[in-house]
Amino acid sequence: MNHILMRLKNVFITPHSAFDTNEAVERILITTVENITNYMAGHAQNVVSFSNQTITV
């Protein structure tokens, strides 16, 4: 990789792995099940509205 940050001596590059803990994975699974359950019950969450359409994510 030839990114400018890789050449700076005062920059440390680390992988983003904050999601990869037991607690984070458990929270992701719980949230996913809640989202699916609520959607199936007709209560969509995380709805994004635009001027001419609504998208559920």
C-alpha atoms as a PDB file:
ATOM      1  CA  MET A   1       0.000   0.000   0.000  1.00  0.00           C
ATOM      2  CA  ASN A   2       1.397   3.378  -0.966  1.00  0.00           C
ATOM      3  CA  HIS A   3      -0.794   5.658   1.156  1.00  0.00           C
ATOM      4  CA  ILE A   4       0.793   8.817   2.560  1.00  0.00           C
ATOM      5  CA  LEU A   5      -0.085   7.796   6.132  1.00  0.00           C
ATOM      6  CA  MET A   6       1.978   4.633   5.768  1.00  0.00           C
ATOM      7  CA  ARG A   7       5.087   6.777   5.228  1.00  0.00           C
ATOM      8  CA  LEU A   8       4.704   8.979   8.312  1.00  0.00           C
ATOM      9  CA  LYS A   9       6.897   8.113  11.277  1.00  0.00           C
ATOM     10  CA  ASN A  10       4.390   9.448  13.825  1.00  0.00           C
ATOM     11  CA  VAL A  11       1.433   7.330  12.629  1.00  0.00           C
ATOM     12  CA  PHE A  12       0.598   3.839  13.820  1.00  0.00           C
ATOM     13  CA  ILE A  13      -1.640   1.773  11.562  1.00  0.00           C
ATOM     14  CA  THR A  14      -3.678  -0.918  13.325  1.00  0.00           C
ATOM     15  CA  PRO A  15      -6.455  -3.209  12.134  1.00  0.00           C
ATOM     16  CA  HIS A  16     -10.027  -2.342  13.065  1.00  0.00           C
ATOM     17  CA  SER A  17     -11.089  -5.320  15.123  1.00  0.00           C
ATOM     18  CA  ALA A  18     -13.252  -3.742  17.836  1.00  0.00           C
ATOM     19  CA  PHE A  19     -16.256  -5.721  16.590  1.00  0.00           C
ATOM     20  CA  ASP A  20     -14.471  -9.013  17.171  1.00  0.00           C
ATOM     21  CA  THR A  21     -15.081  -9.477  20.887  1.00  0.00           C
ATOM     22  CA  ASN A  22     -17.498 -11.898  22.507  1.00  0.00           C
ATOM     23  CA  GLU A  23     -19.535  -8.971  23.822  1.00  0.00           C
ATOM     24  CA  ALA A  24     -19.731  -7.239  20.449  1.00  0.00           C
ATOM     25  CA  VAL A  25     -20.708 -10.410  18.591  1.00  0.00           C
ATOM     26  CA  GLU A  26     -23.403 -11.129  21.182  1.00  0.00           C
ATOM     27  CA  ARG A  27     -24.770  -7.581  20.840  1.00  0.00           C
ATOM     28  CA  ILE A  28     -24.798  -7.867  17.037  1.00  0.00           C
ATOM     29  CA  LEU A  29     -26.674 -11.171  17.203  1.00  0.00           C
ATOM     30  CA  ILE A  30     -29.229  -9.817  19.698  1.00  0.00           C
ATOM     31  CA  THR A  31     -29.783  -6.685  17.607  1.00  0.00           C
ATOM     32  CA  THR A  32     -30.193  -8.756  14.439  1.00  0.00           C
ATOM     33  CA  VAL A  33     -32.792 -11.036  16.037  1.00  0.00           C
ATOM     34  CA  GLU A  34     -34.648  -8.006  17.456  1.00  0.00           C
ATOM     35  CA  ASN A  35     -34.661  -6.300  14.042  1.00  0.00           C
ATOM     36  CA  ILE A  36     -36.006  -9.389  12.278  1.00  0.00           C
ATOM     37  CA  THR A  37     -38.610 -10.047  14.983  1.00  0.00           C
ATOM     38  CA  ASN A  38     -39.820  -6.442  14.916  1.00  0.00           C
ATOM     39  CA  TYR A  39     -39.928  -6.388  11.109  1.00  0.00           C
ATOM     40  CA  MET A  40     -41.965  -9.595  11.011  1.00  0.00           C
ATOM     41  CA  ALA A  41     -44.379  -8.043  13.549  1.00  0.00           C
ATOM     42  CA  GLY A  42     -44.820  -4.996  11.304  1.00  0.00           C
ATOM     43  CA  HIS A  43     -42.640  -2.661  13.360  1.00  0.00           C
ATOM     44  CA  ALA A  44     -39.738  -1.761  11.097  1.00  0.00           C
ATOM     45  CA  GLN A  45     -36.701  -0.194  12.756  1.00  0.00           C
ATOM     46  CA  ASN A  46     -33.936   1.941  11.281  1.00  0.00           C
ATOM     47  CA  VAL A  47     -36.193   3.496   8.649  1.00  0.00           C
ATOM     48  CA  VAL A  48     -34.607   6.098   6.371  1.00  0.00           C
ATOM     49  CA  SER A  49     -37.008   8.527   4.690  1.00  0.00           C
ATOM     50  CA  PHE A  50     -36.258  10.487   1.554  1.00  0.00           C
ATOM     51  CA  SER A  51     -38.498  13.124   0.013  1.00  0.00           C
ATOM     52  CA  ASN A  52     -40.158  10.689  -2.376  1.00  0.00           C
ATOM     53  CA  GLN A  53     -39.564   7.237  -0.885  1.00  0.00           C
ATOM     54  CA  THR A  54     -38.968   5.351   2.359  1.00  0.00           C
ATOM     55  CA  ILE A  55     -36.263   2.717   2.661  1.00  0.00           C
ATOM     56  CA  THR A  56     -36.096   0.251   5.548  1.00  0.00           C
ATOM     57  CA  VAL A  57     -32.589  -0.837   6.412  1.00  0.00           C
END
